[in-house]
């Protein structure tokens, strides 16, 4: 019985396996991936006019 001999090791392996399996089973992961796909990486940045920019509206 591993739990009787080394409870700390068994508990740490149990916690580690839960942390590896939880993101795969969690619906939060699916929705966060969906949100990250539709979120743009580049946002429009306002341009400072220096008086020599005829092509910028």
PDB file of N, CA and C in Angstrom:
ATOM      1  N   UNK A   1       0.845  -1.180   0.000  1.00  0.00           N
ATOM      2  CA  UNK A   1       0.000   0.000   0.000  1.00  0.00           C
ATOM      3  C   UNK A   1       0.890   1.242   0.000  1.00  0.00           C
ATOM      4  N   UNK A   2       0.909   1.959  -1.113  1.00  0.00           N
ATOM      5  CA  UNK A   2       1.786   3.119  -1.260  1.00  0.00           C
ATOM      6  C   UNK A   2       1.339   4.276  -0.368  1.00  0.00           C
ATOM      7  N   UNK A   3       0.027   4.403  -0.153  1.00  0.00           N
ATOM      8  CA  UNK A   3      -0.460   5.506   0.666  1.00  0.00           C
ATOM      9  C   UNK A   3       0.014   5.368   2.112  1.00  0.00           C
ATOM     10  N   UNK A   4       0.120   4.154   2.611  1.00  0.00           N
ATOM     11  CA  UNK A   4       0.568   3.941   3.984  1.00  0.00           C
ATOM     12  C   UNK A   4       2.061   4.198   4.132  1.00  0.00           C
ATOM     13  N   UNK A   5       2.842   3.905   3.096  1.00  0.00           N
ATOM     14  CA  UNK A   5       4.290   4.067   3.201  1.00  0.00           C
ATOM     15  C   UNK A   5       4.730   5.504   2.912  1.00  0.00           C
ATOM     16  N   UNK A   6       4.248   6.072   1.815  1.00  0.00           N
ATOM     17  CA  UNK A   6       4.670   7.422   1.401  1.00  0.00           C
ATOM     18  C   UNK A   6       3.451   8.271   1.043  1.00  0.00           C
ATOM     19  N   UNK A   7       2.752   8.802   2.037  1.00  0.00           N
ATOM     20  CA  UNK A   7       1.541   9.583   1.719  1.00  0.00           C
ATOM     21  C   UNK A   7       1.842  10.894   1.004  1.00  0.00           C
ATOM     22  N   UNK A   8       3.006  11.483   1.265  1.00  0.00           N
ATOM     23  CA  UNK A   8       3.329  12.760   0.619  1.00  0.00           C
ATOM     24  C   UNK A   8       3.556  12.553  -0.872  1.00  0.00           C
ATOM     25  N   UNK A   9       4.267  11.480  -1.221  1.00  0.00           N
ATOM     26  CA  UNK A   9       4.502  11.200  -2.640  1.00  0.00           C
ATOM     27  C   UNK A   9       3.206  10.875  -3.370  1.00  0.00           C
ATOM     28  N   UNK A  10       2.359  10.085  -2.749  1.00  0.00           N
ATOM     29  CA  UNK A  10       1.095   9.718  -3.386  1.00  0.00           C
ATOM     30  C   UNK A  10       0.226  10.954  -3.564  1.00  0.00           C
ATOM     31  N   UNK A  11       0.183  11.810  -2.554  1.00  0.00           N
ATOM     32  CA  UNK A  11      -0.620  13.026  -2.663  1.00  0.00           C
ATOM     33  C   UNK A  11      -0.068  13.951  -3.737  1.00  0.00           C
ATOM     34  N   UNK A  12       1.261  14.071  -3.825  1.00  0.00           N
ATOM     35  CA  UNK A  12       1.832  14.959  -4.838  1.00  0.00           C
ATOM     36  C   UNK A  12       1.591  14.426  -6.243  1.00  0.00           C
ATOM     37  N   UNK A  13       1.687  13.112  -6.426  1.00  0.00           N
ATOM     38  CA  UNK A  13       1.384  12.544  -7.746  1.00  0.00           C
ATOM     39  C   UNK A  13      -0.093  12.693  -8.087  1.00  0.00           C
ATOM     40  N   UNK A  14      -0.954  12.580  -7.101  1.00  0.00           N
ATOM     41  CA  UNK A  14      -2.386  12.752  -7.353  1.00  0.00           C
ATOM     42  C   UNK A  14      -2.688  14.186  -7.751  1.00  0.00           C
ATOM     43  N   UNK A  15      -2.104  15.145  -7.040  1.00  0.00           N
ATOM     44  CA  UNK A  15      -2.320  16.555  -7.377  1.00  0.00           C
ATOM     45  C   UNK A  15      -1.738  16.865  -8.752  1.00  0.00           C
ATOM     46  N   UNK A  16      -0.569  16.317  -9.052  1.00  0.00           N
ATOM     47  CA  UNK A  16       0.042  16.547 -10.358  1.00  0.00           C
ATOM     48  C   UNK A  16      -0.780  15.973 -11.490  1.00  0.00           C
ATOM     49  N   UNK A  17      -1.339  14.788 -11.301  1.00  0.00           N
ATOM     50  CA  UNK A  17      -2.152  14.198 -12.366  1.00  0.00           C
ATOM     51  C   UNK A  17      -3.454  14.967 -12.556  1.00  0.00           C
ATOM     52  N   UNK A  18      -4.015  15.492 -11.473  1.00  0.00           N
ATOM     53  CA  UNK A  18      -5.231  16.301 -11.597  1.00  0.00           C
ATOM     54  C   UNK A  18      -4.931  17.588 -12.354  1.00  0.00           C
ATOM     55  N   UNK A  19      -3.785  18.208 -12.083  1.00  0.00           N
ATOM     56  CA  UNK A  19      -3.463  19.449 -12.781  1.00  0.00           C
ATOM     57  C   UNK A  19      -3.164  19.208 -14.252  1.00  0.00           C
ATOM     58  N   UNK A  20      -2.719  18.008 -14.603  1.00  0.00           N
ATOM     59  CA  UNK A  20      -2.500  17.715 -16.021  1.00  0.00           C
ATOM     60  C   UNK A  20      -3.805  17.385 -16.741  1.00  0.00           C
ATOM     61  N   UNK A  21      -4.742  16.755 -16.049  1.00  0.00           N
ATOM     62  CA  UNK A  21      -5.993  16.351 -16.689  1.00  0.00           C
ATOM     63  C   UNK A  21      -7.061  17.433 -16.664  1.00  0.00           C
ATOM     64  N   UNK A  22      -7.015  18.329 -15.702  1.00  0.00           N
ATOM     65  CA  UNK A  22      -8.083  19.311 -15.547  1.00  0.00           C
ATOM     66  C   UNK A  22      -8.223  20.264 -16.733  1.00  0.00           C
ATOM     67  N   UNK A  23      -7.147  20.813 -17.313  1.00  0.00           N
ATOM     68  CA  UNK A  23      -7.342  21.703 -18.466  1.00  0.00           C
ATOM     69  C   UNK A  23      -7.973  21.009 -19.667  1.00  0.00           C
ATOM     70  N   UNK A  24      -7.738  19.722 -19.837  1.00  0.00           N
ATOM     71  CA  UNK A  24      -8.320  19.000 -20.972  1.00  0.00           C
ATOM     72  C   UNK A  24      -9.823  18.830 -20.773  1.00  0.00           C
ATOM     73  N   UNK A  25     -10.241  18.623 -19.546  1.00  0.00           N
ATOM     74  CA  UNK A  25     -11.650  18.362 -19.258  1.00  0.00           C
ATOM     75  C   UNK A  25     -12.449  19.623 -18.957  1.00  0.00           C
ATOM     76  N   UNK A  26     -11.779  20.750 -18.784  1.00  0.00           N
ATOM     77  CA  UNK A  26     -12.466  21.958 -18.339  1.00  0.00           C
ATOM     78  C   UNK A  26     -13.123  22.690 -19.507  1.00  0.00           C
ATOM     79  N   UNK A  27     -14.371  23.137 -19.365  1.00  0.00           N
ATOM     80  CA  UNK A  27     -14.987  23.948 -20.425  1.00  0.00           C
ATOM     81  C   UNK A  27     -14.372  25.342 -20.505  1.00  0.00           C
ATOM     82  N   UNK A  28     -13.739  25.797 -19.420  1.00  0.00           N
ATOM     83  CA  UNK A  28     -13.091  27.112 -19.448  1.00  0.00           C
ATOM     84  C   UNK A  28     -11.992  27.158 -20.496  1.00  0.00           C
ATOM     85  N   UNK A  29     -11.278  26.050 -20.677  1.00  0.00           N
ATOM     86  CA  UNK A  29     -10.204  26.008 -21.667  1.00  0.00           C
ATOM     87  C   UNK A  29     -10.769  26.201 -23.064  1.00  0.00           C
ATOM     88  N   UNK A  30     -11.891  25.568 -23.363  1.00  0.00           N
ATOM     89  CA  UNK A  30     -12.496  25.694 -24.694  1.00  0.00           C
ATOM     90  C   UNK A  30     -12.893  27.139 -24.967  1.00  0.00           C
ATOM     91  N   UNK A  31     -13.543  27.773 -24.002  1.00  0.00           N
ATOM     92  CA  UNK A  31     -13.994  29.136 -24.215  1.00  0.00           C
ATOM     93  C   UNK A  31     -12.835  30.124 -24.239  1.00  0.00           C
ATOM     94  N   UNK A  32     -11.791  29.876 -23.470  1.00  0.00           N
ATOM     95  CA  UNK A  32     -10.643  30.782 -23.518  1.00  0.00           C
ATOM     96  C   UNK A  32      -9.923  30.665 -24.853  1.00  0.00           C
ATOM     97  N   UNK A  33      -9.852  29.462 -25.423  1.00  0.00           N
ATOM     98  CA  UNK A  33      -9.250  29.309 -26.754  1.00  0.00           C
ATOM     99  C   UNK A  33     -10.105  30.020 -27.793  1.00  0.00           C
ATOM    100  N   UNK A  34     -11.426  29.900 -27.686  1.00  0.00           N
ATOM    101  CA  UNK A  34     -12.302  30.575 -28.646  1.00  0.00           C
ATOM    102  C   UNK A  34     -12.149  32.092 -28.548  1.00  0.00           C
ATOM    103  N   UNK A  35     -12.052  32.620 -27.342  1.00  0.00           N
ATOM    104  CA  UNK A  35     -11.882  34.066 -27.181  1.00  0.00           C
ATOM    105  C   UNK A  35     -10.535  34.532 -27.703  1.00  0.00           C
ATOM    106  N   UNK A  36      -9.483  33.754 -27.476  1.00  0.00           N
ATOM    107  CA  UNK A  36      -8.162  34.155 -27.942  1.00  0.00           C
ATOM    108  C   UNK A  36      -8.062  34.114 -29.456  1.00  0.00           C
ATOM    109  N   UNK A  37      -8.843  33.268 -30.116  1.00  0.00           N
ATOM    110  CA  UNK A  37      -8.798  33.218 -31.574  1.00  0.00           C
ATOM    111  C   UNK A  37      -9.450  34.441 -32.197  1.00  0.00           C
ATOM    112  N   UNK A  38     -10.509  34.968 -31.596  1.00  0.00           N
ATOM    113  CA  UNK A  38     -11.209  36.101 -32.204  1.00  0.00           C
ATOM    114  C   UNK A  38     -10.671  37.447 -31.728  1.00  0.00           C
ATOM    115  N   UNK A  39      -9.845  37.468 -30.703  1.00  0.00           N
ATOM    116  CA  UNK A  39      -9.286  38.726 -30.217  1.00  0.00           C
ATOM    117  C   UNK A  39      -8.141  39.154 -31.127  1.00  0.00           C
ATOM    118  N   UNK A  40      -8.186  40.369 -31.652  1.00  0.00           N
ATOM    119  CA  UNK A  40      -7.102  40.793 -32.552  1.00  0.00           C
ATOM    120  C   UNK A  40      -5.809  41.044 -31.786  1.00  0.00           C
ATOM    121  N   UNK A  41      -4.705  40.784 -32.460  1.00  0.00           N
ATOM    122  CA  UNK A  41      -3.401  41.031 -31.856  1.00  0.00           C
ATOM    123  C   UNK A  41      -2.970  42.479 -32.052  1.00  0.00           C
ATOM    124  N   UNK A  42      -3.379  43.078 -33.160  1.00  0.00           N
ATOM    125  CA  UNK A  42      -2.962  44.445 -33.477  1.00  0.00           C
ATOM    126  C   UNK A  42      -4.161  45.374 -33.341  1.00  0.00           C
ATOM    127  N   UNK A  43      -3.986  46.417 -32.591  1.00  0.00           N
ATOM    128  CA  UNK A  43      -5.030  47.397 -32.401  1.00  0.00           C
ATOM    129  C   UNK A  43      -4.625  48.684 -33.105  1.00  0.00           C
ATOM    130  N   UNK A  44      -5.606  49.455 -33.595  1.00  0.00           N
ATOM    131  CA  UNK A  44      -5.244  50.718 -34.248  1.00  0.00           C
ATOM    132  C   UNK A  44      -4.662  51.704 -33.235  1.00  0.00           C
ATOM    133  N   UNK A  45      -3.561  52.304 -33.611  1.00  0.00           N
ATOM    134  CA  UNK A  45      -2.865  53.239 -32.737  1.00  0.00           C
ATOM    135  C   UNK A  45      -3.017  54.632 -33.332  1.00  0.00           C
ATOM    136  N   UNK A  46      -3.446  55.606 -32.556  1.00  0.00           N
ATOM    137  CA  UNK A  46      -3.546  56.959 -33.105  1.00  0.00           C
ATOM    138  C   UNK A  46      -2.172  57.498 -33.481  1.00  0.00           C
ATOM    139  N   UNK A  47      -2.138  58.196 -34.619  1.00  0.00           N
ATOM    140  CA  UNK A  47      -0.877  58.713 -35.140  1.00  0.00           C
ATOM    141  C   UNK A  47      -0.762  60.176 -34.748  1.00  0.00           C
ATOM    142  N   UNK A  48       0.387  60.560 -34.237  1.00  0.00           N
ATOM    143  CA  UNK A  48       0.617  61.953 -33.886  1.00  0.00           C
ATOM    144  C   UNK A  48       0.995  62.732 -35.149  1.00  0.00           C
ATOM    145  N   UNK A  49       0.278  63.805 -35.388  1.00  0.00           N
ATOM    146  CA  UNK A  49       0.507  64.608 -36.594  1.00  0.00           C
ATOM    147  C   UNK A  49       1.684  65.543 -36.361  1.00  0.00           C
ATOM    148  N   UNK A  50       2.692  65.413 -37.222  1.00  0.00           N
ATOM    149  CA  UNK A  50       3.842  66.310 -37.119  1.00  0.00           C
ATOM    150  C   UNK A  50       3.810  67.403 -38.184  1.00  0.00           C
ATOM    151  N   UNK A  51       2.690  67.537 -38.897  1.00  0.00           N
ATOM    152  CA  UNK A  51       2.564  68.569 -39.914  1.00  0.00           C
ATOM    153  C   UNK A  51       3.048  68.138 -41.282  1.00  0.00           C
ATOM    154  N   UNK A  52       3.646  66.970 -41.413  1.00  0.00           N
ATOM    155  CA  UNK A  52       4.179  66.510 -42.691  1.00  0.00           C
ATOM    156  C   UNK A  52       3.591  65.143 -43.020  1.00  0.00           C
ATOM    157  N   UNK A  53       2.264  65.008 -42.893  1.00  0.00           N
ATOM    158  CA  UNK A  53       1.613  63.726 -43.130  1.00  0.00           C
ATOM    159  C   UNK A  53       0.386  63.938 -44.014  1.00  0.00           C
ATOM    160  N   UNK A  54       0.570  64.166 -45.313  1.00  0.00           N
ATOM    161  CA  UNK A  54      -0.589  64.455 -46.170  1.00  0.00           C
ATOM    162  C   UNK A  54      -1.457  63.228 -46.448  1.00  0.00           C
ATOM    163  N   UNK A  55      -0.921  62.002 -46.306  1.00  0.00           N
ATOM    164  CA  UNK A  55      -1.695  60.814 -46.658  1.00  0.00           C
ATOM    165  C   UNK A  55      -2.511  60.266 -45.488  1.00  0.00           C
ATOM    166  N   UNK A  56      -2.314  60.770 -44.296  1.00  0.00           N
ATOM    167  CA  UNK A  56      -3.061  60.295 -43.134  1.00  0.00           C
ATOM    168  C   UNK A  56      -4.276  61.189 -42.947  1.00  0.00           C
ATOM    169  N   UNK A  57      -5.462  60.615 -42.955  1.00  0.00           N
ATOM    170  CA  UNK A  57      -6.662  61.465 -42.808  1.00  0.00           C
ATOM    171  C   UNK A  57      -6.767  62.096 -41.426  1.00  0.00           C
TER     172      UNK A  57
END
